Protein backbone atom coordinates (compact mmCIF):
# COMPACT_ATOMS: atom_id res chain seq x y z
CA MET A 1 -0.03 -0.32 0.38
CA ARG A 2 1.01 3.30 -0.50
CA GLY A 3 0.09 6.54 0.54
CA HIS A 4 -1.99 8.71 -2.15
CA PHE A 5 -0.32 12.81 -2.65
CA SER A 6 -3.35 14.62 -2.61
CA GLN A 7 -0.88 17.81 -1.85
CA TRP A 8 2.47 17.91 -1.05
CA PRO A 9 4.17 19.92 1.48
CA PRO A 10 0.71 19.38 2.93
CA ARG A 11 -0.58 22.71 3.76
CA GLY A 12 -3.41 24.80 6.42
CA ARG A 13 -3.94 21.51 8.87
CA GLY A 14 -2.17 22.15 12.10
CA VAL A 15 0.87 23.82 10.25
CA THR A 16 2.83 25.97 13.00
CA ALA A 17 5.22 28.91 11.14
CA GLU A 18 8.60 26.88 12.17
CA SER A 19 11.43 27.75 9.84
CA GLN A 20 12.99 24.38 8.34
CA GLY A 21 11.62 23.25 5.69
CA TRP A 22 9.27 19.54 5.43
CA CYS A 23 10.87 16.79 6.34
CA THR A 24 10.18 12.77 6.20
CA ILE A 25 11.25 10.44 8.77
CA VAL A 26 11.42 6.84 7.83
CA VAL A 27 10.46 4.18 10.12
CA PRO A 28 12.16 0.46 8.97
CA CYS A 29 9.53 -1.96 10.71
CA TYR A 30 9.70 -5.55 11.28
CA ASN A 31 7.07 -7.56 13.49
CA GLU A 32 6.56 -4.44 14.76
CA SER A 33 2.52 -4.85 15.70
CA ALA A 34 3.21 -5.79 19.45
CA ARG A 35 5.11 -2.76 20.43
CA LEU A 36 4.66 -0.05 17.44
CA ASN A 37 2.57 2.95 19.84
CA THR A 38 0.80 4.84 16.57
CA ASP A 39 -0.94 6.86 19.62
CA ILE A 40 2.59 8.58 20.31
CA PHE A 41 3.22 9.27 16.72
CA ALA A 42 -0.51 10.17 16.30
CA GLU A 43 -0.01 12.75 19.72
CA PHE A 44 2.81 14.43 18.31
CA LEU A 45 1.26 14.67 14.17
CA ARG A 46 -1.33 16.39 16.33
CA GLN A 47 1.48 19.30 17.39
CA GLY A 48 1.50 20.60 13.81
CA HIS A 49 4.75 19.73 12.91
CA LYS A 50 5.87 20.03 9.00
CA ILE A 51 7.17 16.32 9.23
CA ARG A 52 5.36 12.96 7.61
CA PHE A 53 6.31 9.70 8.69
CA LEU A 54 7.04 6.92 6.07
CA PHE A 55 6.91 3.02 7.56
CA VAL A 56 8.47 0.82 6.03
CA ASN A 57 7.13 -2.40 6.45
CA ASP A 58 9.98 -4.81 5.73
CA GLY A 59 8.53 -8.40 5.24
CA SER A 60 6.86 -8.60 8.83
CA LYS A 61 5.11 -12.15 9.50
CA ASP A 62 2.89 -10.21 11.65
CA ASP A 63 -0.01 -7.88 11.78
CA THR A 64 2.50 -5.02 11.00
CA ALA A 65 1.27 -3.86 8.21
CA ARG A 66 -2.46 -3.25 8.86
CA VAL A 67 -1.19 -1.92 12.06
CA ILE A 68 -0.11 0.74 10.09
CA GLN A 69 -2.91 0.44 7.42
CA ARG A 70 -5.17 1.66 9.44
CA PHE A 71 -2.92 4.15 11.56
CA SER A 72 -2.36 6.00 8.40
CA ALA A 73 -6.72 6.23 7.60
CA GLY A 74 -7.56 9.58 7.77
CA ARG A 75 -3.44 10.64 7.73
CA GLU A 76 -2.50 10.42 4.37
CA GLU A 77 -0.83 13.52 3.82
CA TYR A 78 1.17 12.44 6.75
CA VAL A 79 1.64 9.06 7.31
CA GLU A 80 2.78 6.66 3.79
CA LEU A 81 2.88 2.44 4.19
CA LEU A 82 5.68 0.59 1.99
CA ASP A 83 5.24 -2.15 2.16
CA LYS A 84 7.71 -4.77 0.84
CA GLN A 85 6.77 -8.37 0.84
CA LYS A 86 10.23 -9.86 1.27
CA ASN A 87 12.48 -9.26 4.71
CA ALA A 88 15.87 -7.43 3.29
CA GLY A 89 17.27 -5.72 6.89
CA LYS A 90 17.41 -2.69 8.37
CA ALA A 91 19.74 -1.45 6.45
CA GLU A 92 17.57 -2.11 2.88
CA ALA A 93 14.35 -0.83 4.30
CA VAL A 94 15.91 2.31 5.52
CA ARG A 95 17.68 2.94 1.41
CA GLU A 96 14.63 2.48 -0.33
CA GLY A 97 12.02 4.34 2.74
CA MET A 98 14.61 7.24 2.23
CA LEU A 99 15.11 6.85 -1.35
CA THR A 100 11.49 7.49 -1.63
CA ALA A 101 11.08 10.01 0.03
CA LEU A 102 13.71 12.24 -1.95
CA ARG A 103 12.33 11.09 -5.25
CA GLU A 104 8.55 11.55 -4.25
CA HIS A 105 8.69 13.76 -1.83
CA LYS A 106 9.06 17.30 -1.76
CA ALA A 107 10.74 17.89 1.69
CA GLU A 108 13.77 19.17 2.76
CA TYR A 109 15.37 16.76 5.16
CA VAL A 110 15.41 13.26 5.32
CA GLY A 111 16.39 10.73 7.74
CA PHE A 112 15.69 7.40 9.48
CA TRP A 113 13.86 6.90 13.44
CA ASP A 114 14.12 3.24 15.65
CA ALA A 115 10.22 2.18 15.77
CA ASP A 116 10.28 1.40 19.13
CA LEU A 117 10.73 5.53 19.97
CA ALA A 118 13.85 4.67 22.36
CA THR A 119 14.47 7.76 20.97
CA PRO A 120 11.07 10.00 21.60
CA LEU A 121 10.00 11.87 18.72
CA ASP A 122 9.80 15.09 20.77
CA ALA A 123 13.90 14.99 19.21
CA ILE A 124 12.82 15.44 16.19
CA PRO A 125 12.67 19.14 15.84
CA ASP A 126 15.38 19.94 18.00
CA LEU A 127 17.09 18.09 14.84
CA LEU A 128 16.07 19.86 12.62
CA ARG A 129 16.42 23.48 14.02
CA GLU A 130 19.76 22.86 13.82
CA LEU A 131 20.03 21.70 10.74
CA ALA A 132 17.99 25.16 9.97
CA HIS A 133 19.94 27.59 11.95
CA ASN A 134 23.33 25.81 10.54
CA SER A 135 23.60 25.82 6.01
CA ALA A 136 26.74 24.10 6.08
CA LEU A 137 25.62 21.14 7.68
CA GLN A 138 24.26 18.71 6.13
CA MET A 139 23.69 15.72 8.58
CA ILE A 140 23.19 15.44 12.11
CA PHE A 141 23.23 12.60 14.43
CA GLY A 142 21.34 11.75 17.98
CA SER A 143 23.52 10.88 19.99
CA ARG A 144 23.55 8.98 24.02
CA VAL A 145 25.76 11.13 25.66
CA ARG A 146 24.93 10.58 29.49
CA LEU A 147 25.40 13.98 30.77
CA LEU A 148 24.12 15.99 33.98
CA GLY A 149 20.53 17.44 32.90
CA ARG A 150 20.04 14.69 30.74
CA ASP A 151 18.05 10.96 31.07
CA VAL A 152 19.98 8.89 29.29
CA HIS A 153 20.18 4.93 29.98
CA ARG A 154 21.77 2.26 28.69
CA LYS A 155 22.72 -1.42 29.41
CA ALA A 156 25.75 -1.79 30.66
CA ILE A 157 27.05 -4.08 28.67
CA ARG A 158 25.47 -1.94 25.52
CA HIS A 159 26.64 0.97 26.49
CA TYR A 160 29.94 -0.65 27.18
CA LEU A 161 30.22 -2.64 23.49
CA GLY A 162 29.07 0.39 22.21
CA ARG A 163 32.19 2.24 23.24
CA LEU A 164 34.21 -0.15 22.30
CA PHE A 165 32.56 -0.13 18.16
CA ALA A 166 32.43 3.41 18.49
CA THR A 167 36.14 4.25 19.22
CA VAL A 168 37.18 1.78 16.68
CA VAL A 169 35.02 3.19 14.16
CA SER A 170 36.46 6.96 15.16
CA VAL A 171 39.96 5.23 14.12
CA MET A 172 38.71 4.06 10.91
CA LEU A 173 37.15 6.82 9.77
CA ARG A 174 39.18 9.76 11.42
CA LEU A 175 36.49 10.91 12.77
CA PRO A 176 36.36 11.91 16.24
CA ILE A 177 32.61 10.66 15.76
CA TYR A 178 30.72 9.41 19.51
CA ASP A 179 28.30 7.39 19.14
CA THR A 180 27.64 6.28 15.12
CA GLN A 181 24.16 3.87 16.29
CA CYS A 182 21.87 6.01 17.38
CA GLY A 183 18.62 5.10 15.89
CA ALA A 184 17.26 8.88 15.12
CA LYS A 185 19.45 10.75 11.95
CA ILE A 186 18.27 13.03 9.79
CA PHE A 187 20.03 14.47 6.90
CA ARG A 188 19.14 17.45 4.17
CA ALA A 189 17.70 15.98 0.94
CA THR A 190 20.46 16.56 -1.38
CA PRO A 191 21.23 14.95 -5.21
CA GLN A 192 24.57 14.26 -3.27
CA PHE A 193 22.95 12.16 -0.83
CA GLU A 194 20.29 10.70 -2.97
CA ALA A 195 24.03 9.51 -5.24
CA ILE A 196 25.15 8.42 -1.93
CA LEU A 197 21.93 5.97 -1.20
CA THR A 198 21.55 4.60 -4.84
CA GLU A 199 23.97 1.49 -4.39
CA PRO A 200 22.60 -1.43 -1.83
CA PHE A 201 24.56 -1.14 1.06
CA ILE A 202 26.90 -3.90 1.94
CA SER A 203 26.52 -4.09 5.68
CA ARG A 204 23.66 -5.02 7.01
CA TRP A 205 23.96 -4.26 10.93
CA VAL A 206 26.24 -1.07 10.23
CA PHE A 207 24.73 1.16 7.49
CA ASP A 208 25.20 4.26 9.05
CA VAL A 209 29.24 3.76 9.50
CA GLU A 210 28.47 2.88 5.79
CA ILE A 211 27.17 5.61 5.26
CA ILE A 212 29.37 8.08 6.64
CA ALA A 213 32.49 5.91 4.59
CA ARG A 214 30.20 7.08 1.36
CA VAL A 215 30.33 10.16 2.63
CA LEU A 216 33.88 10.04 2.95
CA ARG A 217 33.86 8.68 -0.50
CA ALA A 218 32.18 11.53 -1.83
CA ASN A 219 34.36 14.16 -0.69
CA GLY A 220 37.98 12.61 -1.46
CA PHE A 221 38.33 11.39 1.77
CA ASN A 222 38.67 15.24 2.50
CA VAL A 223 38.37 14.61 6.66
CA LYS A 224 38.41 18.15 8.09
CA GLU A 225 35.78 19.05 4.96
CA VAL A 226 33.02 15.92 6.38
CA GLU A 227 33.68 17.05 9.99
CA HIS A 228 32.23 20.11 9.72
CA GLN A 229 28.69 18.39 7.69
CA ILE A 230 28.10 16.32 10.91
CA TYR A 231 26.56 17.62 13.84
CA GLU A 232 26.16 15.32 17.06
CA PHE A 233 23.26 16.17 18.93
CA PRO A 234 23.23 15.00 22.82
CA LEU A 235 19.61 13.40 23.38
CA LYS A 236 17.71 14.72 26.11
CA LYS A 237 16.25 11.36 26.49
CA TRP A 238 16.71 7.70 25.07
CA GLU A 239 15.98 4.43 27.06
CA ASP A 240 16.33 0.87 25.85
CA VAL A 241 13.43 -0.50 25.44
CA ALA A 242 11.85 -3.90 25.59
CA GLY A 243 11.92 -6.29 22.68
CA SER A 244 14.94 -5.08 21.11
CA LYS A 245 16.15 -6.52 18.04
CA VAL A 246 19.82 -6.02 19.11
CA HIS A 247 21.98 -9.24 21.00
CA GLY A 248 24.98 -9.10 22.19
CA GLY A 249 26.28 -11.73 19.29
CA ASP A 250 25.74 -9.10 17.32
CA PHE A 251 28.63 -6.70 17.66
CA LEU A 252 30.29 -9.61 16.43
CA LYS A 253 28.10 -9.19 13.16
CA ALA A 254 28.83 -5.72 13.41
CA SER A 255 32.69 -5.90 13.80
CA VAL A 256 32.69 -8.52 10.91
CA ASP A 257 30.50 -5.65 8.13
CA ILE A 258 32.97 -2.64 9.62
CA ILE A 259 36.19 -5.01 8.41
CA ARG A 260 33.81 -5.43 4.96
CA ILE A 261 32.88 -1.42 5.40
CA HIS A 262 36.98 -0.45 5.39
CA ARG A 263 37.95 -2.90 2.85
CA LYS A 264 35.52 -1.79 0.00
CA TYR A 265 35.34 1.83 1.14
CA LEU A 266 38.96 3.00 2.79
CA ALA A 267 41.80 0.50 2.14
């Protein structure tokens, strides 16, 4: 099922006077029918942000597609379902969703957000404001930094494995990046970014790192130039959500993907 666009960007109903342009957020979904909280999405939409959600059903075996179809009814201007019959993994769900947004939506920004809402939707306007206020930025990443005044809670094992992983990635990319794997990222919608997404990812697990590697390649491996294009935003709130599809063994799979990314883009 694909949503019908009577008008894009939608005008009038519930739209605020925010300075930034429209944004499409891709939400990859695989067997999410039991925990996809559409009430939270509905409440967020009622706030009138210039934001549209493109849910990508990645070959789910449960009622995920039906849940999204019910939710989109009457909200077609703001909610769309891209229903993929075959499971291809989160990386391809995100890539195909963002390509759809880039090619079919007249939006200034595209991004992706984890369906479990470990990062609250309220963070989206925060990230967009940073992009709107700094024209040099091409991408902004949510970063899970536990600072005073921030409500960030991660399981200890995932935190320390994540720190080890991020350190390895930082050294490999030669970029001082703190958190590559937070599922909250927004990009400026440009022909250059569309070109970066044209080729399927070789990684099923750490496509976020592969995106950065492709950006480096597109910029002639000019690290200083790329540093000025990326901003890591310390999230105000983040919390591990029950039912996560990330497990300890996935760290090994991610490590293998890092080696493959290095060989393809950086060696």
